[in-house]
Amino acid sequence: MGLRIIGGELRGKKLYTIPGTLIRPTADRLRESIFDILSYLVKEAVVLELFAGTGALGIEALSRGANSAVFIDNNKKALSVVERNIQSCAVDSRSQIIRWNIVKNLKCIKSVDSQFNLVFMDPPYNNGLIKPTLINLYNSGSLGNDACIIVEHTPFEPVPAICKPFELVDQRKYGKKLISFIKERGRNNFPK
């Protein structure tokens, strides 16, 4: 079975992807586990999906009641799939797509007029992209007070001894992948 939305108003809706290894979408079961953990944090959230790939995480959040989502990736083919999925799911009015080199900086989100409560990060594995992305995210000043950052990665590239403004509040292992939940220090009202 292909990629599809797991819950909410778009439940069962199939998503487009790119054949091959260019992008590695978060599998349905893993996405379901992530959203089960996040539960109440999704409703009315403003979502940012970095290294968007297919846009599955952001669209899943929109399906479950998030207000809006911004999808950022630097790959043209991936962004064309994100756009196709957004249109297919009819969430265009609540979505924004930006082509940008996330590792360079995140100045591109200064134009977004609200702060993000939920950030999904699924960078290419084992390329040292987690730390610079977290630094750029913090420096962008775009995180809301209770923002939660969810990072999908491998044990071979652990979340760095988190940059000072952040702390790891939870981490789960799913097969060969880790999902890390990160908050700004002192703001860890995270569901257990």
C-alpha atoms as a PDB file:
ATOM      1  CA  MET A   1       0.000   0.000   0.000  1.00  0.00           C
ATOM      2  CA  GLY A   2       1.278   3.486  -0.813  1.00  0.00           C
ATOM      3  CA  LEU A   3       1.587   6.580   1.315  1.00  0.00           C
ATOM      4  CA  ARG A   4      -1.689   7.851   2.778  1.00  0.00           C
ATOM      5  CA  ILE A   5      -3.128  10.121   5.457  1.00  0.00           C
ATOM      6  CA  ILE A   6      -3.735   8.178   8.689  1.00  0.00           C
ATOM      7  CA  GLY A   7      -6.220  10.301  10.650  1.00  0.00           C
ATOM      8  CA  GLY A   8      -8.525  13.294  10.669  1.00  0.00           C
ATOM      9  CA  GLU A   9     -10.733  14.704   7.925  1.00  0.00           C
ATOM     10  CA  LEU A  10      -8.445  13.421   5.131  1.00  0.00           C
ATOM     11  CA  ARG A  11      -8.051   9.916   6.579  1.00  0.00           C
ATOM     12  CA  GLY A  12      -7.298   7.357   3.851  1.00  0.00           C
ATOM     13  CA  LYS A  13      -6.377   9.974   1.239  1.00  0.00           C
ATOM     14  CA  LYS A  14      -3.481   8.704  -0.880  1.00  0.00           C
ATOM     15  CA  LEU A  15      -0.394  10.872  -1.284  1.00  0.00           C
ATOM     16  CA  TYR A  16       1.987  11.108  -4.205  1.00  0.00           C
ATOM     17  CA  THR A  17       5.669  10.346  -3.790  1.00  0.00           C
ATOM     18  CA  ILE A  18       8.774  10.105  -5.971  1.00  0.00           C
ATOM     19  CA  PRO A  19       9.947   6.619  -6.918  1.00  0.00           C
ATOM     20  CA  GLY A  20      13.500   5.802  -5.886  1.00  0.00           C
ATOM     21  CA  THR A  21      15.605   7.117  -3.027  1.00  0.00           C
ATOM     22  CA  LEU A  22      15.479  10.877  -3.660  1.00  0.00           C
ATOM     23  CA  ILE A  23      13.069  11.327  -0.761  1.00  0.00           C
ATOM     24  CA  ARG A  24      12.290   9.029   2.146  1.00  0.00           C
ATOM     25  CA  PRO A  25       8.738   9.680   3.343  1.00  0.00           C
ATOM     26  CA  THR A  26       7.869   8.916   6.951  1.00  0.00           C
ATOM     27  CA  ALA A  27       6.023   5.577   6.880  1.00  0.00           C
ATOM     28  CA  ASP A  28       2.318   5.510   7.755  1.00  0.00           C
ATOM     29  CA  ARG A  29       2.775   3.521  10.984  1.00  0.00           C
ATOM     30  CA  LEU A  30       5.566   5.787  12.213  1.00  0.00           C
ATOM     31  CA  ARG A  31       3.495   8.881  11.382  1.00  0.00           C
ATOM     32  CA  GLU A  32       0.571   7.381  13.284  1.00  0.00           C
ATOM     33  CA  SER A  33       2.795   6.787  16.341  1.00  0.00           C
ATOM     34  CA  ILE A  34       4.131  10.354  16.223  1.00  0.00           C
ATOM     35  CA  PHE A  35       0.644  11.844  16.031  1.00  0.00           C
ATOM     36  CA  ASP A  36      -0.631   9.578  18.819  1.00  0.00           C
ATOM     37  CA  ILE A  37       2.109  11.030  21.044  1.00  0.00           C
ATOM     38  CA  LEU A  38       1.412  14.625  19.970  1.00  0.00           C
ATOM     39  CA  SER A  39      -2.371  14.218  20.350  1.00  0.00           C
ATOM     40  CA  TYR A  40      -3.716  17.534  21.652  1.00  0.00           C
ATOM     41  CA  LEU A  41      -0.729  19.617  20.467  1.00  0.00           C
ATOM     42  CA  VAL A  42      -1.906  19.373  16.834  1.00  0.00           C
ATOM     43  CA  LYS A  43      -5.327  21.039  17.061  1.00  0.00           C
ATOM     44  CA  GLU A  44      -5.083  24.645  15.809  1.00  0.00           C
ATOM     45  CA  ALA A  45      -1.270  24.422  15.575  1.00  0.00           C
ATOM     46  CA  VAL A  46       0.822  26.429  13.152  1.00  0.00           C
ATOM     47  CA  VAL A  47       3.085  23.807  11.575  1.00  0.00           C
ATOM     48  CA  LEU A  48       6.507  23.991   9.941  1.00  0.00           C
ATOM     49  CA  GLU A  49       7.808  20.989   8.002  1.00  0.00           C
ATOM     50  CA  LEU A  50      11.528  21.202   7.247  1.00  0.00           C
ATOM     51  CA  PHE A  51      13.023  18.877   4.603  1.00  0.00           C
ATOM     52  CA  ALA A  52       9.390  18.429   3.552  1.00  0.00           C
ATOM     53  CA  GLY A  53       9.847  15.576   1.077  1.00  0.00           C
ATOM     54  CA  THR A  54       6.233  14.649   0.250  1.00  0.00           C
ATOM     55  CA  GLY A  55       4.669  16.953   2.833  1.00  0.00           C
ATOM     56  CA  ALA A  56       3.069  13.956   4.563  1.00  0.00           C
ATOM     57  CA  LEU A  57       3.734  15.169   8.127  1.00  0.00           C
ATOM     58  CA  GLY A  58       2.409  18.683   7.534  1.00  0.00           C
ATOM     59  CA  ILE A  59      -0.640  17.444   5.620  1.00  0.00           C
ATOM     60  CA  GLU A  60      -1.324  14.874   8.343  1.00  0.00           C
ATOM     61  CA  ALA A  61      -1.274  17.727  10.876  1.00  0.00           C
ATOM     62  CA  LEU A  62      -3.685  19.764   8.718  1.00  0.00           C
ATOM     63  CA  SER A  63      -5.978  16.742   8.451  1.00  0.00           C
ATOM     64  CA  ARG A  64      -6.010  16.503  12.257  1.00  0.00           C
ATOM     65  CA  GLY A  65      -6.964  20.138  12.834  1.00  0.00           C
ATOM     66  CA  ALA A  66      -3.801  22.255  12.505  1.00  0.00           C
ATOM     67  CA  ASN A  67      -4.578  25.796  11.320  1.00  0.00           C
ATOM     68  CA  SER A  68      -1.812  26.106   8.739  1.00  0.00           C
ATOM     69  CA  ALA A  69       1.453  24.605   7.523  1.00  0.00           C
ATOM     70  CA  VAL A  70       4.612  25.854   5.848  1.00  0.00           C
ATOM     71  CA  PHE A  71       6.622  23.306   3.848  1.00  0.00           C
ATOM     72  CA  ILE A  72      10.326  23.988   3.176  1.00  0.00           C
ATOM     73  CA  ASP A  73      12.709  21.948   1.064  1.00  0.00           C
ATOM     74  CA  ASN A  74      15.525  22.758  -1.348  1.00  0.00           C
ATOM     75  CA  ASN A  75      14.721  20.033  -3.874  1.00  0.00           C
ATOM     76  CA  LYS A  76      12.548  21.043  -6.829  1.00  0.00           C
ATOM     77  CA  LYS A  77      11.197  17.537  -7.438  1.00  0.00           C
ATOM     78  CA  ALA A  78      10.253  17.102  -3.789  1.00  0.00           C
ATOM     79  CA  LEU A  79       8.497  20.467  -3.712  1.00  0.00           C
ATOM     80  CA  SER A  80       6.529  19.616  -6.852  1.00  0.00           C
ATOM     81  CA  VAL A  81       5.282  16.480  -5.039  1.00  0.00           C
ATOM     82  CA  VAL A  82       4.421  18.558  -1.948  1.00  0.00           C
ATOM     83  CA  GLU A  83       2.465  20.958  -4.151  1.00  0.00           C
ATOM     84  CA  ARG A  84       0.655  18.087  -5.879  1.00  0.00           C
ATOM     85  CA  ASN A  85      -0.263  16.543  -2.495  1.00  0.00           C
ATOM     86  CA  ILE A  86      -1.482  19.865  -1.102  1.00  0.00           C
ATOM     87  CA  GLN A  87      -3.704  20.394  -4.145  1.00  0.00           C
ATOM     88  CA  SER A  88      -4.944  16.788  -4.133  1.00  0.00           C
ATOM     89  CA  CYS A  89      -5.911  17.134  -0.451  1.00  0.00           C
ATOM     90  CA  ALA A  90      -7.458  20.594  -1.046  1.00  0.00           C
ATOM     91  CA  VAL A  91      -5.439  22.248   1.747  1.00  0.00           C
ATOM     92  CA  ASP A  92      -3.951  24.974  -0.509  1.00  0.00           C
ATOM     93  CA  SER A  93      -5.570  27.801   1.453  1.00  0.00           C
ATOM     94  CA  ARG A  94      -3.850  26.647   4.665  1.00  0.00           C
ATOM     95  CA  SER A  95      -0.454  25.836   3.129  1.00  0.00           C
ATOM     96  CA  GLN A  96       2.643  27.654   1.962  1.00  0.00           C
ATOM     97  CA  ILE A  97       5.579  26.121   0.083  1.00  0.00           C
ATOM     98  CA  ILE A  98       9.068  27.639   0.195  1.00  0.00           C
ATOM     99  CA  ARG A  99      12.158  26.492  -1.696  1.00  0.00           C
ATOM    100  CA  TRP A 100      15.158  27.242   0.509  1.00  0.00           C
ATOM    101  CA  ASN A 101      18.512  25.913   1.705  1.00  0.00           C
ATOM    102  CA  ILE A 102      17.544  25.180   5.313  1.00  0.00           C
ATOM    103  CA  VAL A 103      21.139  24.536   6.416  1.00  0.00           C
ATOM    104  CA  LYS A 104      22.282  27.987   5.250  1.00  0.00           C
ATOM    105  CA  ASN A 105      19.647  29.853   7.300  1.00  0.00           C
ATOM    106  CA  LEU A 106      15.898  30.146   7.749  1.00  0.00           C
ATOM    107  CA  LYS A 107      15.461  33.823   6.922  1.00  0.00           C
ATOM    108  CA  CYS A 108      12.759  32.754   4.483  1.00  0.00           C
ATOM    109  CA  ILE A 109      10.239  32.300   7.313  1.00  0.00           C
ATOM    110  CA  LYS A 110      10.507  35.870   8.559  1.00  0.00           C
ATOM    111  CA  SER A 111       7.711  36.658   6.073  1.00  0.00           C
ATOM    112  CA  VAL A 112       5.338  34.173   7.746  1.00  0.00           C
ATOM    113  CA  ASP A 113       3.240  36.299  10.079  1.00  0.00           C
ATOM    114  CA  SER A 114       2.731  33.766  12.858  1.00  0.00           C
ATOM    115  CA  GLN A 115       4.902  31.671  15.127  1.00  0.00           C
ATOM    116  CA  PHE A 116       5.192  27.899  14.829  1.00  0.00           C
ATOM    117  CA  ASN A 117       3.923  25.549  17.553  1.00  0.00           C
ATOM    118  CA  LEU A 118       4.857  22.300  15.824  1.00  0.00           C
ATOM    119  CA  VAL A 119       8.008  21.724  13.760  1.00  0.00           C
ATOM    120  CA  PHE A 120       8.760  18.511  11.887  1.00  0.00           C
ATOM    121  CA  MET A 121      12.356  17.860  10.803  1.00  0.00           C
ATOM    122  CA  ASP A 122      13.254  14.850   8.687  1.00  0.00           C
ATOM    123  CA  PRO A 123      16.663  15.690   7.199  1.00  0.00           C
ATOM    124  CA  PRO A 124      18.608  13.289   4.982  1.00  0.00           C
ATOM    125  CA  TYR A 125      20.119  10.742   7.339  1.00  0.00           C
ATOM    126  CA  ASN A 126      23.692  10.932   8.631  1.00  0.00           C
ATOM    127  CA  ASN A 127      24.650  14.179   6.875  1.00  0.00           C
ATOM    128  CA  GLY A 128      25.219  16.345   9.960  1.00  0.00           C
ATOM    129  CA  LEU A 129      22.160  18.518   9.255  1.00  0.00           C
ATOM    130  CA  ILE A 130      20.372  18.349  12.606  1.00  0.00           C
ATOM    131  CA  LYS A 131      22.514  20.781  14.611  1.00  0.00           C
ATOM    132  CA  PRO A 132      22.774  23.562  11.982  1.00  0.00           C
ATOM    133  CA  THR A 133      19.051  23.289  11.325  1.00  0.00           C
ATOM    134  CA  LEU A 134      18.205  23.608  15.035  1.00  0.00           C
ATOM    135  CA  ILE A 135      20.518  26.629  15.310  1.00  0.00           C
ATOM    136  CA  ASN A 136      18.914  28.249  12.252  1.00  0.00           C
ATOM    137  CA  LEU A 137      15.454  27.512  13.601  1.00  0.00           C
ATOM    138  CA  TYR A 138      16.267  29.154  16.920  1.00  0.00           C
ATOM    139  CA  ASN A 139      17.906  32.147  15.216  1.00  0.00           C
ATOM    140  CA  SER A 140      14.850  32.653  13.001  1.00  0.00           C
ATOM    141  CA  GLY A 141      12.832  33.768  16.045  1.00  0.00           C
ATOM    142  CA  SER A 142       9.847  31.910  14.606  1.00  0.00           C
ATOM    143  CA  LEU A 143       9.080  29.480  17.442  1.00  0.00           C
ATOM    144  CA  GLY A 144       5.981  29.981  19.570  1.00  0.00           C
ATOM    145  CA  ASN A 145       6.137  29.791  23.372  1.00  0.00           C
ATOM    146  CA  ASP A 146       5.303  26.099  23.602  1.00  0.00           C
ATOM    147  CA  ALA A 147       6.793  24.940  20.310  1.00  0.00           C
ATOM    148  CA  CYS A 148       7.595  21.257  19.974  1.00  0.00           C
ATOM    149  CA  ILE A 149      10.216  20.107  17.454  1.00  0.00           C
ATOM    150  CA  ILE A 150      10.050  16.530  16.219  1.00  0.00           C
ATOM    151  CA  VAL A 151      13.209  15.147  14.586  1.00  0.00           C
ATOM    152  CA  GLU A 152      13.389  11.855  12.703  1.00  0.00           C
ATOM    153  CA  HIS A 153      16.950  10.485  12.574  1.00  0.00           C
ATOM    154  CA  THR A 154      19.134   7.413  12.968  1.00  0.00           C
ATOM    155  CA  PRO A 155      21.096   6.310  16.052  1.00  0.00           C
ATOM    156  CA  PHE A 156      24.250   6.997  14.000  1.00  0.00           C
ATOM    157  CA  GLU A 157      23.415  10.702  14.051  1.00  0.00           C
ATOM    158  CA  PRO A 158      22.044  11.397  17.514  1.00  0.00           C
ATOM    159  CA  VAL A 159      20.553  14.767  18.302  1.00  0.00           C
ATOM    160  CA  PRO A 160      23.658  16.722  19.309  1.00  0.00           C
ATOM    161  CA  ALA A 161      24.062  17.502  22.978  1.00  0.00           C
ATOM    162  CA  ILE A 162      21.316  19.883  22.205  1.00  0.00           C
ATOM    163  CA  CYS A 163      22.213  23.433  21.420  1.00  0.00           C
ATOM    164  CA  LYS A 164      21.861  25.512  24.592  1.00  0.00           C
ATOM    165  CA  PRO A 165      18.370  26.872  24.002  1.00  0.00           C
ATOM    166  CA  PHE A 166      16.892  23.388  23.512  1.00  0.00           C
ATOM    167  CA  GLU A 167      16.389  20.245  25.530  1.00  0.00           C
ATOM    168  CA  LEU A 168      15.410  16.719  24.585  1.00  0.00           C
ATOM    169  CA  VAL A 169      12.133  15.939  26.377  1.00  0.00           C
ATOM    170  CA  ASP A 170      11.393  12.515  24.893  1.00  0.00           C
ATOM    171  CA  GLN A 171      12.894  10.041  22.453  1.00  0.00           C
ATOM    172  CA  ARG A 172      11.404   6.878  20.971  1.00  0.00           C
ATOM    173  CA  LYS A 173      12.971   4.099  18.886  1.00  0.00           C
ATOM    174  CA  TYR A 174      11.045   2.628  15.949  1.00  0.00           C
ATOM    175  CA  GLY A 175      13.014  -0.089  14.190  1.00  0.00           C
ATOM    176  CA  LYS A 176      16.191   1.575  12.919  1.00  0.00           C
ATOM    177  CA  LYS A 177      14.877   5.130  13.422  1.00  0.00           C
ATOM    178  CA  LEU A 178      14.721   7.480  16.368  1.00  0.00           C
ATOM    179  CA  ILE A 179      12.099  10.156  16.920  1.00  0.00           C
ATOM    180  CA  SER A 180      13.295  12.946  19.216  1.00  0.00           C
ATOM    181  CA  PHE A 181      10.940  15.497  20.778  1.00  0.00           C
ATOM    182  CA  ILE A 182      12.643  18.794  21.577  1.00  0.00           C
ATOM    183  CA  LYS A 183      11.472  21.949  23.348  1.00  0.00           C
ATOM    184  CA  GLU A 184      13.085  25.213  24.329  1.00  0.00           C
ATOM    185  CA  ARG A 185      14.589  24.940  27.822  1.00  0.00           C
ATOM    186  CA  GLY A 186      12.147  25.524  30.630  1.00  0.00           C
ATOM    187  CA  ARG A 187       9.144  24.854  28.394  1.00  0.00           C
ATOM    188  CA  ASN A 188       8.642  21.133  28.582  1.00  0.00           C
ATOM    189  CA  ASN A 189       4.886  20.791  29.057  1.00  0.00           C
ATOM    190  CA  PHE A 190       5.083  17.730  26.869  1.00  0.00           C
ATOM    191  CA  PRO A 191       2.567  14.879  27.059  1.00  0.00           C
ATOM    192  CA  LYS A 192       4.044  11.743  28.599  1.00  0.00           C
END
